[in-house]
C-alpha cells in the first residue's frame, strides 16, 4: 500500500513527531525509554522522527548526549522513516558543528532553528543557513518559531531561504496562517512546508502544507497520523473529527512551557518519567490534572471512577 508520505520529497511528508528526551531519575538520558518511544511512534504510523528539538530539550543536552539520542532514534527507526535531528543554536559555528555530529550519528536531515537572542539581519540569516547546509551535506528544514526566538523570519525571509541549496523546507510555528499561505503560494518546486502547531495543522494542510511536526503525537501517534493522513487524502470531514477530539489535549500540552505537559502525559501513560531539565521544573498539580482529563477526553486514558 502506498502511504501519502511516500509521494513527495524523499519521505518529508505526513505526521512527524518532535520527540521528547526521556530522563532517568539520575538525570541521565533514558535511552531504553527513548528507543521504545521511537519504535512505538513508527508502529503507529508516524512518518518521521525529530529528536533534539524544542520538545526534546535540545538546548540542555550536551553534544555527546545529542549524538547518543540521535543514534538511538536512528537505531529504533531502523530505516522505516527519516530522522530529522534538531541542531540549531544562536552561534553559526556551534550550529555547524552540531550539524556534523547529527549527520555522523545517522540523521537523514536537520531541523535548524533560526538564531535566537542575536536577532540576525537578513544577510546574516541567509549566511547562517547557507553555512549549515554546505557543511552538513543533507537536507535541512528551517524552524521558524518566533515565540521561542523573538524573531519571525516572515514569508519573504522563508522564500529567500528556499533558494539556498540544501534548504528543503520549513517548520512553520509562527501561528500565522496568512504567512503559511504566502509561503505555499510562492515556494519553489520541491520545497516542503510543515505546520509546527498541532492546533493549526488542519487549516495548514487544507492550504497545501505537506505535514505536521507534532508535540501531541508523543502521546497520540496513531491519532495524529490519522488526522494528517486523512487531510492529505482530502478527507477533511474525517480529519476534523480527529482534530476536535484531540483539541482539549492540544490546549493542555501548552498550559505550561513545552515539554512539561507532554512529559507529564507520557508519565501518566507509562511511557517515560515526567522529569525535565533545569531551568524547566515539574508541573503544577492543576496542570497534571488538566492533562489527565484531556487524555481521558481524547480516549487515551480511562476516566477516573
Protein backbone atom coordinates (compact mmCIF):
# COMPACT_ATOMS: atom_id res chain seq x y z
CA UNK A 1 0.00 0.00 0.00
CA UNK A 2 1.30 3.45 -0.87
CA UNK A 3 1.25 5.88 2.02
CA UNK A 4 0.75 9.62 1.35
CA UNK A 5 4.19 10.22 2.84
CA UNK A 6 5.85 8.21 0.10
CA UNK A 7 4.94 10.54 -2.75
CA UNK A 8 6.95 13.68 -2.01
CA UNK A 9 10.37 14.87 -1.00
CA UNK A 10 12.03 11.61 -0.02
CA UNK A 11 9.55 10.94 2.75
CA UNK A 12 9.26 14.53 4.02
CA UNK A 13 5.51 14.38 4.16
CA UNK A 14 2.93 13.38 6.72
CA UNK A 15 2.91 13.41 10.51
CA UNK A 16 6.27 13.58 12.25
CA UNK A 17 6.94 13.61 15.98
CA UNK A 18 9.02 16.20 17.80
CA UNK A 19 10.29 13.60 20.24
CA UNK A 20 10.76 14.22 23.93
CA UNK A 21 14.03 13.13 25.52
CA UNK A 22 13.23 10.81 28.45
CA UNK A 23 15.46 11.09 31.51
CA UNK A 24 16.27 8.66 34.29
CA UNK A 25 15.83 9.68 37.92
CA UNK A 26 19.58 10.34 37.93
CA UNK A 27 19.13 12.96 35.23
CA UNK A 28 20.83 10.93 32.52
CA UNK A 29 19.15 10.24 29.17
CA UNK A 30 16.92 7.15 29.36
CA UNK A 31 17.99 5.54 26.10
CA UNK A 32 15.80 2.47 26.64
CA UNK A 33 12.63 4.55 27.06
CA UNK A 34 13.64 6.70 24.07
CA UNK A 35 14.15 3.61 21.88
CA UNK A 36 10.76 2.21 22.91
CA UNK A 37 9.04 5.55 22.34
CA UNK A 38 10.57 5.99 18.87
CA UNK A 39 9.67 2.45 17.82
CA UNK A 40 6.08 2.92 19.07
CA UNK A 41 5.77 6.12 17.05
CA UNK A 42 6.69 4.38 13.81
CA UNK A 43 4.48 1.38 14.55
CA UNK A 44 1.56 3.80 14.98
CA UNK A 45 2.04 5.36 11.54
CA UNK A 46 4.25 8.37 12.24
CA UNK A 47 6.25 9.25 9.12
CA UNK A 48 9.31 10.92 10.64
CA UNK A 49 11.10 11.39 13.96
CA UNK A 50 12.54 14.71 15.10
CA UNK A 51 14.83 14.38 18.15
CA UNK A 52 16.82 17.10 19.93
CA UNK A 53 14.43 19.94 19.11
CA UNK A 54 12.48 22.17 21.48
CA UNK A 55 10.32 19.30 22.72
CA UNK A 56 13.45 17.16 23.08
CA UNK A 57 15.11 19.78 25.30
CA UNK A 58 17.97 20.06 22.84
CA UNK A 59 19.13 23.31 24.45
CA UNK A 60 20.15 21.45 27.62
CA UNK A 61 21.65 18.34 26.01
CA UNK A 62 25.42 18.10 25.71
CA UNK A 63 26.97 17.38 22.33
CA UNK A 64 27.61 13.78 23.40
CA UNK A 65 24.03 13.39 24.62
CA UNK A 66 22.73 14.73 21.30
CA UNK A 67 24.87 12.20 19.46
CA UNK A 68 23.55 9.35 21.60
CA UNK A 69 19.92 10.49 21.36
CA UNK A 70 20.10 10.74 17.57
CA UNK A 71 21.87 7.40 17.28
CA UNK A 72 19.24 5.75 19.48
CA UNK A 73 16.38 7.16 17.41
CA UNK A 74 18.05 6.17 14.14
CA UNK A 75 18.56 2.66 15.51
CA UNK A 76 14.93 2.43 16.65
CA UNK A 77 13.57 3.73 13.35
CA UNK A 78 15.56 1.03 11.51
CA UNK A 79 15.29 2.84 8.19
CA UNK A 80 11.49 2.90 8.24
CA UNK A 81 11.17 6.69 8.47
CA UNK A 82 13.55 9.65 8.17
CA UNK A 83 15.17 11.07 11.29
CA UNK A 84 15.40 14.87 11.22
CA UNK A 85 17.67 16.00 14.03
CA UNK A 86 17.41 19.36 15.74
CA UNK A 87 20.77 21.12 15.80
CA UNK A 88 20.18 24.88 15.87
CA UNK A 89 21.72 27.49 18.14
CA UNK A 90 22.43 31.23 18.06
CA UNK A 91 26.06 30.65 17.03
CA UNK A 92 26.70 29.64 13.42
CA UNK A 93 29.95 27.85 14.24
CA UNK A 94 28.33 25.81 17.01
CA UNK A 95 25.37 25.01 14.76
CA UNK A 96 27.69 23.78 12.01
CA UNK A 97 29.48 21.54 14.49
CA UNK A 98 26.17 20.23 15.87
CA UNK A 99 25.02 19.52 12.33
CA UNK A 100 28.13 17.46 11.65
CA UNK A 101 27.61 15.50 14.87
CA UNK A 102 23.99 14.82 13.91
CA UNK A 103 24.93 13.56 10.46
CA UNK A 104 27.68 11.36 11.91
CA UNK A 105 25.08 9.90 14.29
CA UNK A 106 22.94 8.90 11.31
CA UNK A 107 20.45 11.76 10.88
CA UNK A 108 18.90 11.88 7.41
CA UNK A 109 18.12 15.60 7.63
CA UNK A 110 18.35 18.51 10.06
CA UNK A 111 15.92 20.87 11.77
CA UNK A 112 17.69 24.20 12.21
CA UNK A 113 16.01 26.83 14.37
CA UNK A 114 16.50 30.47 13.46
CA UNK A 115 19.18 32.03 15.67
CA UNK A 116 17.66 33.42 18.85
CA UNK A 117 18.67 36.39 21.02
CA UNK A 118 21.12 37.80 18.43
CA UNK A 119 18.23 38.70 16.07
CA UNK A 120 20.30 38.39 12.86
CA UNK A 121 19.57 40.70 9.95
CA UNK A 122 18.52 39.26 6.57
CA UNK A 123 22.05 38.82 5.21
CA UNK A 124 23.14 37.15 8.45
CA UNK A 125 20.13 34.83 8.42
CA UNK A 126 20.85 33.73 4.86
CA UNK A 127 24.54 33.21 5.60
CA UNK A 128 23.72 31.14 8.70
CA UNK A 129 21.53 28.67 6.83
CA UNK A 130 23.88 28.54 3.86
CA UNK A 131 26.82 27.68 6.12
CA UNK A 132 24.92 24.87 7.85
CA UNK A 133 23.58 23.45 4.59
CA UNK A 134 27.01 23.43 2.97
CA UNK A 135 28.69 21.82 5.96
CA UNK A 136 26.02 19.19 6.59
CA UNK A 137 25.53 17.79 3.12
CA UNK A 138 21.99 16.61 4.00
CA UNK A 139 18.66 18.42 3.57
CA UNK A 140 17.63 20.81 6.29
CA UNK A 141 14.36 22.33 7.39
CA UNK A 142 14.41 25.85 8.75
CA UNK A 143 12.46 26.13 12.01
CA UNK A 144 10.57 29.39 12.39
CA UNK A 145 9.27 29.71 15.96
CA UNK A 146 9.12 33.39 16.92
CA UNK A 147 7.59 32.61 20.32
CA UNK A 148 10.93 30.99 21.25
CA UNK A 149 13.41 33.03 19.21
CA UNK A 150 11.90 36.53 19.42
CA UNK A 151 12.11 36.93 15.65
CA UNK A 152 9.76 35.91 12.84
CA UNK A 153 11.53 35.14 9.57
CA UNK A 154 8.36 36.12 7.69
CA UNK A 155 7.16 34.75 4.38
CA UNK A 156 9.64 36.80 2.36
CA UNK A 157 12.52 35.56 4.51
CA UNK A 158 11.44 31.93 4.24
CA UNK A 159 11.19 32.21 0.46
CA UNK A 160 14.72 33.63 0.39
CA UNK A 161 15.96 30.66 2.42
CA UNK A 162 14.14 28.34 0.00
CA UNK A 163 16.56 29.43 -2.73
CA UNK A 164 19.59 28.16 -0.78
CA UNK A 165 20.72 24.72 -2.00
CA UNK A 166 20.06 22.16 0.71
CA UNK A 167 17.27 24.09 2.45
CA UNK A 168 14.46 21.65 1.70
CA UNK A 169 11.61 23.14 3.70
CA UNK A 170 10.36 24.96 6.76
CA UNK A 171 8.68 24.07 10.01
CA UNK A 172 6.29 26.99 10.45
CA UNK A 173 5.38 27.67 14.07
CA UNK A 174 4.60 31.34 13.62
CA UNK A 175 0.89 30.76 14.26
CA UNK A 176 0.16 32.87 11.20
CA UNK A 177 -1.94 31.13 8.56
CA UNK A 178 -1.64 34.03 6.15
CA UNK A 179 2.14 33.70 6.32
CA UNK A 180 1.92 29.95 5.72
CA UNK A 181 -0.37 30.55 2.73
CA UNK A 182 2.02 33.13 1.26
CA UNK A 183 4.94 30.70 1.57
CA UNK A 184 2.91 27.92 -0.06
CA UNK A 185 1.91 30.23 -2.90
CA UNK A 186 5.46 31.39 -3.64
CA UNK A 187 7.71 28.45 -2.79
CA UNK A 188 9.89 26.72 -5.39
CA UNK A 189 9.08 23.22 -6.56
CA UNK A 190 10.22 20.53 -4.14
CA UNK A 191 10.17 22.80 -1.08
CA UNK A 192 8.08 21.45 1.82
CA UNK A 193 6.10 23.27 4.48
CA UNK A 194 5.29 21.63 7.82
CA UNK A 195 2.99 23.03 10.44
CA UNK A 196 4.75 23.38 13.76
CA UNK A 197 1.50 23.87 15.66
CA UNK A 198 -0.82 20.93 16.37
CA UNK A 199 -3.88 23.16 16.63
CA UNK A 200 -3.19 24.80 13.23
CA UNK A 201 -2.21 21.64 11.37
CA UNK A 202 -5.60 21.00 9.79
CA UNK A 203 -6.05 24.50 8.29
CA UNK A 204 -2.40 24.49 7.18
CA UNK A 205 -2.88 21.13 5.46
CA UNK A 206 -6.03 22.44 3.80
CA UNK A 207 -3.92 25.28 2.37
CA UNK A 208 -1.45 22.76 0.95
CA UNK A 209 1.10 22.14 3.70
CA UNK A 210 2.90 18.82 3.44
CA UNK A 211 2.64 17.66 7.03
CA UNK A 212 2.94 18.36 10.73
CA UNK A 213 5.86 18.17 13.15
CA UNK A 214 3.84 17.42 16.24
CA UNK A 215 4.16 17.62 20.01
CA UNK A 216 0.88 15.81 20.58
CA UNK A 217 1.93 12.74 18.62
CA UNK A 218 4.26 11.84 21.51
CA UNK A 219 1.07 10.93 23.39
CA UNK A 220 -1.23 10.11 20.48
CA UNK A 221 0.83 8.95 17.47
CA UNK A 222 -1.92 6.86 15.89
CA UNK A 223 -4.47 9.65 16.17
CA UNK A 224 -2.18 12.38 14.81
CA UNK A 225 -1.07 10.15 11.94
CA UNK A 226 -4.74 9.52 11.17
CA UNK A 227 -5.59 13.24 11.25
CA UNK A 228 -2.76 14.16 8.88
CA UNK A 229 -3.25 11.21 6.55
CA UNK A 230 -6.94 11.99 6.21
CA UNK A 231 -6.26 15.64 5.45
CA UNK A 232 -3.58 14.80 2.88
CA UNK A 233 -6.06 12.42 1.21
CA UNK A 234 -8.68 15.18 1.07
CA UNK A 235 -10.89 13.66 3.78
CA UNK A 236 -11.35 16.89 5.71
CA UNK A 237 -14.52 15.70 7.41
CA UNK A 238 -12.68 12.72 8.87
CA UNK A 239 -9.66 14.85 9.78
CA UNK A 240 -11.93 17.37 11.50
CA UNK A 241 -13.42 14.65 13.69
CA UNK A 242 -9.98 13.69 14.98
CA UNK A 243 -8.96 17.34 15.37
CA UNK A 244 -11.87 18.21 17.63
CA UNK A 245 -11.43 15.04 19.68
CA UNK A 246 -7.80 15.98 20.33
CA UNK A 247 -8.31 19.73 20.73
CA UNK A 248 -8.51 19.70 24.58
CA UNK A 249 -5.21 17.81 24.68
CA UNK A 250 -3.65 20.23 22.18
CA UNK A 251 -4.54 23.01 24.60
CA UNK A 252 -3.43 21.11 27.71
CA UNK A 253 0.00 20.50 26.20
CA UNK A 254 0.73 24.23 26.38
CA UNK A 255 -0.70 25.15 29.79
CA UNK A 256 2.94 25.32 30.84
CA UNK A 257 6.11 25.51 28.78
CA UNK A 258 6.62 22.64 26.35
CA UNK A 259 7.66 19.87 27.06
CA UNK A 260 6.50 19.94 30.70
CA UNK A 261 2.85 18.95 29.99
CA UNK A 262 3.65 16.40 27.28
CA UNK A 263 6.15 14.65 29.54
CA UNK A 264 3.51 14.68 32.26
CA UNK A 265 1.14 12.96 29.83
CA UNK A 266 3.73 10.37 28.87
CA UNK A 267 4.35 9.62 32.54
CA UNK A 268 0.60 9.13 33.08
CA UNK A 269 0.60 6.77 30.09
CA UNK A 270 3.61 4.88 31.46
CA UNK A 271 5.91 5.73 28.55
CA UNK A 272 8.63 7.60 30.44
CA UNK A 273 9.28 9.68 33.53
CA UNK A 274 7.98 13.25 33.61
CA UNK A 275 11.41 14.66 34.58
CA UNK A 276 12.62 17.74 32.70
CA UNK A 277 15.95 19.55 32.88
CA UNK A 278 16.52 22.83 34.67
CA UNK A 279 15.63 25.59 34.17
CA UNK A 280 12.35 23.75 33.46
CA UNK A 281 10.65 22.32 36.52
CA UNK A 282 7.88 19.90 37.46
CA UNK A 283 4.27 20.79 36.59
CA UNK A 284 1.73 22.35 38.89
CA UNK A 285 -0.82 19.91 40.32
CA UNK A 286 -3.53 21.66 38.30
CA UNK A 287 -1.57 21.04 35.10
CA UNK A 288 -1.21 17.36 35.88
CA UNK A 289 -4.95 17.09 36.44
CA UNK A 290 -5.79 19.04 33.27
CA UNK A 291 -3.51 16.79 31.22
CA UNK A 292 -5.06 13.64 32.70
CA UNK A 293 -8.56 14.96 31.99
CA UNK A 294 -7.61 15.81 28.39
CA UNK A 295 -6.08 12.36 27.86
CA UNK A 296 -9.34 10.80 29.05
CA UNK A 297 -11.46 13.06 26.81
CA UNK A 298 -9.29 12.06 23.85
CA UNK A 299 -9.96 8.39 24.60
CA UNK A 300 -6.34 7.74 25.56
CA UNK A 301 -6.96 7.15 29.24
CA UNK A 302 -9.74 5.59 31.21
CA UNK A 303 -11.61 8.31 33.11
CA UNK A 304 -11.42 8.24 36.91
CA UNK A 305 -14.29 6.37 38.57
